[in-house]
Amino acid sequence: MLLAGRCVWLDDRGGGHLYLFLTECEGNPPQTIMVNVTSWRRGLDETCILSPDDHPNISKKSIIYYEDACLIEEWRSKIILRDCNNAPPISQELLVKIQQGLCQSDETPPTVKDFFQKHHT
């Protein structure tokens, strides 16, 4: 199952956001990294700013909210893909930009950053 770059809409505490899978499932147990897109506001991490040109479901200046980046086990990713509204995938270029931001952001949880660096360096 190819995951990296896939997108879904999830209802969350903010009413609903576009979530992105940043990696294939890796490790033992197999896991992936998931991040969400949120509207840009002053004071939020600007490591990765997105515009409406980046994805059809982004309608205004937005950011990747690295603070909420999380590891998702493979079985859970399958349920998310089955039960949530799928959105068009992001481009390979945007995927790389977001992955680079994951490593650069001071807001990325250490466990997520360590997982990415272990499997992608």
Protein backbone atom coordinates (compact mmCIF):
# COMPACT_ATOMS: atom_id res chain seq x y z
CA MET A 1 0.00 0.00 0.00
CA LEU A 2 1.56 3.28 -1.08
CA LEU A 3 1.06 5.93 1.59
CA ALA A 4 3.60 8.72 1.19
CA GLY A 5 1.83 11.75 -0.25
CA ARG A 6 -1.72 10.50 0.30
CA CYS A 7 -4.22 12.91 1.88
CA VAL A 8 -7.42 12.55 3.88
CA TRP A 9 -9.93 14.83 5.56
CA LEU A 10 -10.27 14.11 9.29
CA ASP A 11 -12.65 15.65 11.78
CA ASP A 12 -10.64 16.82 14.76
CA ARG A 13 -10.79 19.34 17.57
CA GLY A 14 -10.50 22.15 15.02
CA GLY A 15 -13.53 21.01 13.03
CA GLY A 16 -11.67 19.20 10.27
CA HIS A 17 -8.32 19.39 8.54
CA LEU A 18 -6.43 17.98 5.61
CA TYR A 19 -3.99 15.33 6.87
CA LEU A 20 -1.00 14.01 4.93
CA PHE A 21 0.95 10.76 5.14
CA LEU A 22 4.66 11.59 4.84
CA THR A 23 6.23 8.14 4.63
CA GLU A 24 5.54 4.57 3.72
CA CYS A 25 5.05 2.24 6.69
CA GLU A 26 8.46 1.35 8.10
CA GLY A 27 9.97 -0.18 11.21
CA ASN A 28 8.72 -2.80 13.62
CA PRO A 29 5.86 -2.38 14.15
CA PRO A 30 5.34 -0.72 10.74
CA GLN A 31 4.47 2.97 11.16
CA THR A 32 4.02 6.08 9.07
CA ILE A 33 4.12 9.80 9.87
CA MET A 34 0.99 11.91 9.62
CA VAL A 35 0.79 15.73 9.69
CA ASN A 36 -2.03 18.17 9.21
CA VAL A 37 -2.53 21.40 7.31
CA THR A 38 -3.98 24.33 9.20
CA SER A 39 -4.69 27.97 8.40
CA TRP A 40 -1.75 30.31 8.78
CA ARG A 41 -1.91 32.58 11.83
CA ARG A 42 0.68 34.82 13.45
CA GLY A 43 2.78 32.99 15.99
CA LEU A 44 2.49 29.55 14.43
CA ASP A 45 5.49 27.66 13.07
CA GLU A 46 6.21 28.92 9.55
CA THR A 47 8.71 26.22 8.59
CA CYS A 48 6.46 25.08 5.74
CA ILE A 49 3.96 27.60 4.35
CA LEU A 50 1.49 26.38 1.74
CA SER A 51 -0.63 28.29 -0.77
CA PRO A 52 -3.74 27.39 -2.77
CA ASP A 53 -1.46 26.53 -5.71
CA ASP A 54 0.03 23.64 -3.71
CA HIS A 55 -3.10 21.44 -3.48
CA PRO A 56 -6.72 21.63 -4.66
CA ASN A 57 -8.01 21.38 -1.06
CA ILE A 58 -5.96 24.33 0.20
CA SER A 59 -7.98 27.51 -0.26
CA LYS A 60 -5.85 30.04 1.65
CA LYS A 61 -2.39 30.57 3.09
CA SER A 62 -1.74 27.58 5.34
CA ILE A 63 1.02 25.80 7.21
CA ILE A 64 2.03 22.28 8.10
CA TYR A 65 1.30 22.00 11.82
CA TYR A 66 4.40 20.04 12.79
CA GLU A 67 3.56 20.30 16.49
CA ASP A 68 0.84 17.66 15.97
CA ALA A 69 2.93 15.36 13.74
CA CYS A 70 2.44 11.79 14.89
CA LEU A 71 3.37 8.20 14.23
CA ILE A 72 0.51 6.00 13.02
CA GLU A 73 0.74 2.23 13.01
CA GLU A 74 0.04 0.53 9.68
CA TRP A 75 -3.23 -1.08 10.82
CA ARG A 76 -4.53 2.35 11.88
CA SER A 77 -3.50 3.97 8.58
CA LYS A 78 -5.58 1.36 6.74
CA ILE A 79 -8.62 2.23 8.86
CA ILE A 80 -8.09 5.96 8.27
CA LEU A 81 -7.89 5.44 4.50
CA ARG A 82 -10.97 3.21 4.55
CA ASP A 83 -13.17 5.40 6.77
CA CYS A 84 -12.17 8.98 5.94
CA ASN A 85 -12.73 11.18 2.93
CA ASN A 86 -9.74 10.80 0.66
CA ALA A 87 -8.34 13.89 -1.05
CA PRO A 88 -5.99 14.10 -4.05
CA PRO A 89 -2.38 13.23 -3.21
CA ILE A 90 0.28 15.91 -2.94
CA SER A 91 3.01 16.22 -5.55
CA GLN A 92 6.39 14.58 -5.03
CA GLU A 93 7.99 18.04 -4.83
CA LEU A 94 5.61 19.13 -2.09
CA LEU A 95 6.13 15.85 -0.23
CA VAL A 96 9.90 16.47 -0.17
CA LYS A 97 9.39 20.07 0.99
CA ILE A 98 7.16 18.93 3.87
CA GLN A 99 9.54 16.12 4.82
CA GLN A 100 12.46 18.58 4.92
CA GLY A 101 10.38 20.89 7.11
CA LEU A 102 9.67 18.02 9.48
CA CYS A 103 13.41 17.79 10.19
CA GLN A 104 13.92 21.57 10.35
CA SER A 105 11.01 22.53 12.58
CA ASP A 106 11.63 23.00 16.29
CA GLU A 107 7.98 22.04 16.82
CA THR A 108 8.22 18.47 15.48
CA PRO A 109 7.95 15.99 18.35
CA PRO A 110 11.35 14.33 18.95
CA THR A 111 9.98 10.79 18.50
CA VAL A 112 8.61 11.70 15.06
CA LYS A 113 11.81 13.45 13.98
CA ASP A 114 13.93 10.50 15.22
CA PHE A 115 11.72 8.00 13.35
CA PHE A 116 12.03 9.96 10.11
CA GLN A 117 15.78 10.39 10.40
CA LYS A 118 16.28 6.71 11.24
CA HIS A 119 14.43 5.58 8.11
CA HIS A 120 15.35 8.37 5.67
CA THR A 121 19.02 9.25 6.18
